[in-house]
Amino acid sequence: MSANWKLVKDDLDWSLNTGEDVKGRAELKEAFNKDDAKYVGSAIEAYKIGQRDNHKLSNISRCAQEDDKRLYNMGRKLIGLKAL
């Protein structure tokens, strides 16, 4: 099964911006504030705090395996930061 980039963007947007009382939001934003895509693992761990859906967790992992820098930059853009 391949990574679904549209779904992961929507899920990250919900976790970072639009969802109410999302657990792990501060940790997720902190992970995306780092200036190096190597912190994508920290972002995924923070995402897991607030996300319990196994399909969404699997998808974000597939995206990270496929292109971790793209995933990291997607999260940065969603919080208004410049891509690396």
N, C-alpha and C. Protein backbone atom coordinates (compact mmCIF):
# COMPACT_ATOMS: atom_id res chain seq x y z
N MET A 1 0.85 -1.18 0.00
CA MET A 1 0.00 0.00 0.00
C MET A 1 0.89 1.24 0.00
N SER A 2 0.56 2.19 -0.86
CA SER A 2 1.40 3.38 -0.96
C SER A 2 0.89 4.49 -0.03
N ALA A 3 1.76 5.46 0.16
CA ALA A 3 1.44 6.58 1.03
C ALA A 3 0.37 7.47 0.41
N ASN A 4 -0.55 7.96 1.22
CA ASN A 4 -1.60 8.86 0.76
C ASN A 4 -1.25 10.25 1.29
N TRP A 5 -0.64 11.05 0.41
CA TRP A 5 -0.14 12.37 0.83
C TRP A 5 -1.26 13.36 1.13
N LYS A 6 -2.36 13.29 0.40
CA LYS A 6 -3.47 14.22 0.67
C LYS A 6 -4.05 13.94 2.06
N LEU A 7 -4.22 12.66 2.37
CA LEU A 7 -4.77 12.30 3.67
C LEU A 7 -3.84 12.74 4.80
N VAL A 8 -2.54 12.53 4.64
CA VAL A 8 -1.62 12.91 5.71
C VAL A 8 -1.59 14.42 5.88
N LYS A 9 -1.73 15.17 4.79
CA LYS A 9 -1.79 16.63 4.91
C LYS A 9 -3.02 17.06 5.68
N ASP A 10 -4.16 16.46 5.36
CA ASP A 10 -5.40 16.78 6.07
C ASP A 10 -5.30 16.40 7.55
N ASP A 11 -4.72 15.25 7.83
CA ASP A 11 -4.57 14.80 9.22
C ASP A 11 -3.62 15.71 10.00
N LEU A 12 -2.52 16.10 9.38
CA LEU A 12 -1.58 17.00 10.06
C LEU A 12 -2.21 18.37 10.28
N ASP A 13 -2.97 18.85 9.30
CA ASP A 13 -3.64 20.14 9.45
C ASP A 13 -4.61 20.09 10.63
N TRP A 14 -5.34 18.99 10.74
CA TRP A 14 -6.27 18.85 11.86
C TRP A 14 -5.49 18.83 13.18
N SER A 15 -4.42 18.06 13.23
CA SER A 15 -3.64 17.94 14.46
C SER A 15 -2.94 19.24 14.84
N LEU A 16 -2.48 19.98 13.84
CA LEU A 16 -1.72 21.21 14.11
C LEU A 16 -2.59 22.45 14.25
N ASN A 17 -3.73 22.49 13.54
CA ASN A 17 -4.47 23.75 13.45
C ASN A 17 -5.96 23.69 13.78
N THR A 18 -6.68 22.77 13.19
CA THR A 18 -8.14 22.88 13.24
C THR A 18 -8.83 22.03 14.30
N GLY A 19 -8.20 20.97 14.75
CA GLY A 19 -8.83 20.10 15.74
C GLY A 19 -8.91 20.79 17.10
N GLU A 20 -9.93 20.45 17.86
CA GLU A 20 -10.10 21.03 19.19
C GLU A 20 -9.46 20.12 20.24
N ASP A 21 -8.71 20.72 21.16
CA ASP A 21 -8.10 20.00 22.28
C ASP A 21 -7.31 18.77 21.83
N VAL A 22 -6.46 18.94 20.82
CA VAL A 22 -5.65 17.84 20.29
C VAL A 22 -4.47 17.58 21.23
N LYS A 23 -4.39 16.36 21.74
CA LYS A 23 -3.26 15.99 22.58
C LYS A 23 -2.01 15.91 21.71
N GLY A 24 -0.91 16.42 22.22
CA GLY A 24 0.35 16.37 21.50
C GLY A 24 0.57 17.51 20.51
N ARG A 25 -0.39 18.45 20.42
CA ARG A 25 -0.24 19.55 19.45
C ARG A 25 1.01 20.37 19.72
N ALA A 26 1.26 20.72 20.97
CA ALA A 26 2.44 21.53 21.29
C ALA A 26 3.73 20.77 20.93
N GLU A 27 3.76 19.49 21.23
CA GLU A 27 4.93 18.67 20.91
C GLU A 27 5.12 18.54 19.40
N LEU A 28 4.02 18.43 18.67
CA LEU A 28 4.08 18.32 17.22
C LEU A 28 4.61 19.61 16.61
N LYS A 29 4.10 20.74 17.07
CA LYS A 29 4.59 22.03 16.57
C LYS A 29 6.06 22.22 16.91
N GLU A 30 6.45 21.82 18.11
CA GLU A 30 7.84 21.94 18.51
C GLU A 30 8.75 21.10 17.60
N ALA A 31 8.31 19.91 17.26
CA ALA A 31 9.10 19.04 16.38
C ALA A 31 9.25 19.65 14.99
N PHE A 32 8.20 20.26 14.47
CA PHE A 32 8.28 20.88 13.14
C PHE A 32 9.03 22.21 13.16
N ASN A 33 9.24 22.79 14.32
CA ASN A 33 9.99 24.04 14.43
C ASN A 33 11.49 23.85 14.33
N LYS A 34 11.97 22.62 14.41
CA LYS A 34 13.40 22.35 14.28
C LYS A 34 13.83 22.63 12.84
N ASP A 35 15.08 23.01 12.67
CA ASP A 35 15.58 23.36 11.34
C ASP A 35 16.28 22.20 10.65
N ASP A 36 15.80 21.00 10.85
CA ASP A 36 16.40 19.84 10.20
C ASP A 36 15.36 18.74 10.07
N ALA A 37 15.23 18.20 8.88
CA ALA A 37 14.22 17.16 8.61
C ALA A 37 14.51 15.87 9.36
N LYS A 38 15.68 15.74 9.97
CA LYS A 38 15.96 14.52 10.74
C LYS A 38 15.04 14.40 11.95
N TYR A 39 14.36 15.49 12.30
CA TYR A 39 13.43 15.47 13.42
C TYR A 39 12.05 14.95 13.04
N VAL A 40 11.90 14.42 11.83
CA VAL A 40 10.61 13.88 11.41
C VAL A 40 10.18 12.75 12.36
N GLY A 41 11.12 12.00 12.90
CA GLY A 41 10.78 10.95 13.86
C GLY A 41 10.13 11.51 15.11
N SER A 42 10.63 12.65 15.58
CA SER A 42 10.03 13.32 16.73
C SER A 42 8.62 13.80 16.40
N ALA A 43 8.44 14.26 15.18
CA ALA A 43 7.11 14.72 14.76
C ALA A 43 6.13 13.55 14.73
N ILE A 44 6.57 12.41 14.24
CA ILE A 44 5.69 11.23 14.19
C ILE A 44 5.34 10.78 15.61
N GLU A 45 6.29 10.79 16.51
CA GLU A 45 6.01 10.41 17.90
C GLU A 45 5.02 11.37 18.54
N ALA A 46 5.17 12.66 18.27
CA ALA A 46 4.22 13.65 18.80
C ALA A 46 2.84 13.46 18.19
N TYR A 47 2.79 13.14 16.90
CA TYR A 47 1.51 12.88 16.22
C TYR A 47 0.79 11.71 16.87
N LYS A 48 1.54 10.70 17.27
CA LYS A 48 0.95 9.51 17.90
C LYS A 48 0.27 9.83 19.23
N ILE A 49 0.71 10.87 19.91
CA ILE A 49 0.09 11.26 21.19
C ILE A 49 -1.39 11.57 21.00
N GLY A 50 -1.71 12.26 19.91
CA GLY A 50 -3.09 12.69 19.70
C GLY A 50 -3.88 11.86 18.72
N GLN A 51 -3.25 10.90 18.07
CA GLN A 51 -3.91 10.12 17.04
C GLN A 51 -3.96 8.64 17.44
N ARG A 52 -5.13 8.07 17.43
CA ARG A 52 -5.29 6.68 17.81
C ARG A 52 -5.72 5.78 16.65
N ASP A 53 -6.00 6.36 15.50
CA ASP A 53 -6.45 5.60 14.34
C ASP A 53 -5.25 4.91 13.70
N ASN A 54 -5.24 3.58 13.72
CA ASN A 54 -4.10 2.82 13.19
C ASN A 54 -3.85 3.06 11.70
N HIS A 55 -4.91 3.31 10.93
CA HIS A 55 -4.73 3.57 9.50
C HIS A 55 -3.99 4.88 9.28
N LYS A 56 -4.33 5.90 10.07
CA LYS A 56 -3.66 7.19 9.95
C LYS A 56 -2.21 7.12 10.43
N LEU A 57 -1.98 6.35 11.48
CA LEU A 57 -0.61 6.17 11.97
C LEU A 57 0.24 5.42 10.94
N SER A 58 -0.34 4.41 10.31
CA SER A 58 0.37 3.67 9.28
C SER A 58 0.67 4.56 8.08
N ASN A 59 -0.29 5.40 7.72
CA ASN A 59 -0.09 6.27 6.56
C ASN A 59 1.03 7.28 6.81
N ILE A 60 1.07 7.90 7.98
CA ILE A 60 2.13 8.87 8.23
C ILE A 60 3.50 8.18 8.24
N SER A 61 3.54 6.96 8.71
CA SER A 61 4.80 6.19 8.69
C SER A 61 5.22 5.88 7.26
N ARG A 62 4.25 5.51 6.41
CA ARG A 62 4.57 5.24 5.00
C ARG A 62 5.08 6.50 4.31
N CYS A 63 4.45 7.64 4.61
CA CYS A 63 4.90 8.90 4.01
C CYS A 63 6.33 9.22 4.44
N ALA A 64 6.62 9.00 5.70
CA ALA A 64 7.97 9.27 6.20
C ALA A 64 8.99 8.35 5.54
N GLN A 65 8.61 7.10 5.32
CA GLN A 65 9.52 6.17 4.66
C GLN A 65 9.72 6.53 3.19
N GLU A 66 8.66 7.01 2.57
CA GLU A 66 8.72 7.36 1.15
C GLU A 66 9.54 8.63 0.93
N ASP A 67 9.30 9.67 1.74
CA ASP A 67 10.02 10.94 1.57
C ASP A 67 9.90 11.75 2.87
N ASP A 68 10.83 11.52 3.78
CA ASP A 68 10.76 12.16 5.09
C ASP A 68 10.88 13.68 5.00
N LYS A 69 11.68 14.18 4.09
CA LYS A 69 11.84 15.63 3.97
C LYS A 69 10.55 16.29 3.48
N ARG A 70 9.88 15.66 2.53
CA ARG A 70 8.59 16.18 2.03
C ARG A 70 7.58 16.24 3.17
N LEU A 71 7.51 15.18 3.96
CA LEU A 71 6.58 15.14 5.09
C LEU A 71 6.91 16.24 6.10
N TYR A 72 8.19 16.39 6.40
CA TYR A 72 8.61 17.40 7.37
C TYR A 72 8.28 18.81 6.87
N ASN A 73 8.55 19.07 5.61
CA ASN A 73 8.24 20.39 5.04
C ASN A 73 6.75 20.65 4.98
N MET A 74 5.96 19.60 4.76
CA MET A 74 4.51 19.74 4.77
C MET A 74 4.04 20.24 6.14
N GLY A 75 4.55 19.63 7.19
CA GLY A 75 4.19 20.06 8.54
C GLY A 75 4.64 21.48 8.82
N ARG A 76 5.84 21.83 8.37
CA ARG A 76 6.35 23.20 8.58
C ARG A 76 5.46 24.23 7.89
N LYS A 77 5.06 23.94 6.66
CA LYS A 77 4.21 24.87 5.92
C LYS A 77 2.85 25.05 6.61
N LEU A 78 2.33 23.97 7.18
CA LEU A 78 1.03 24.03 7.84
C LEU A 78 1.04 24.93 9.07
N ILE A 79 2.21 25.14 9.66
CA ILE A 79 2.28 26.05 10.82
C ILE A 79 2.93 27.38 10.44
N GLY A 80 3.02 27.64 9.13
CA GLY A 80 3.46 28.94 8.65
C GLY A 80 4.97 29.13 8.61
N LEU A 81 5.73 28.03 8.59
CA LEU A 81 7.18 28.13 8.51
C LEU A 81 7.66 27.83 7.09
N LYS A 82 8.82 28.34 6.78
CA LYS A 82 9.43 28.11 5.48
C LYS A 82 9.94 26.67 5.37
N ALA A 83 9.77 26.09 4.19
CA ALA A 83 10.28 24.73 3.94
C ALA A 83 11.80 24.74 4.00
N LEU A 84 12.37 23.62 4.35
CA LEU A 84 13.84 23.50 4.41
C LEU A 84 14.41 23.14 3.05
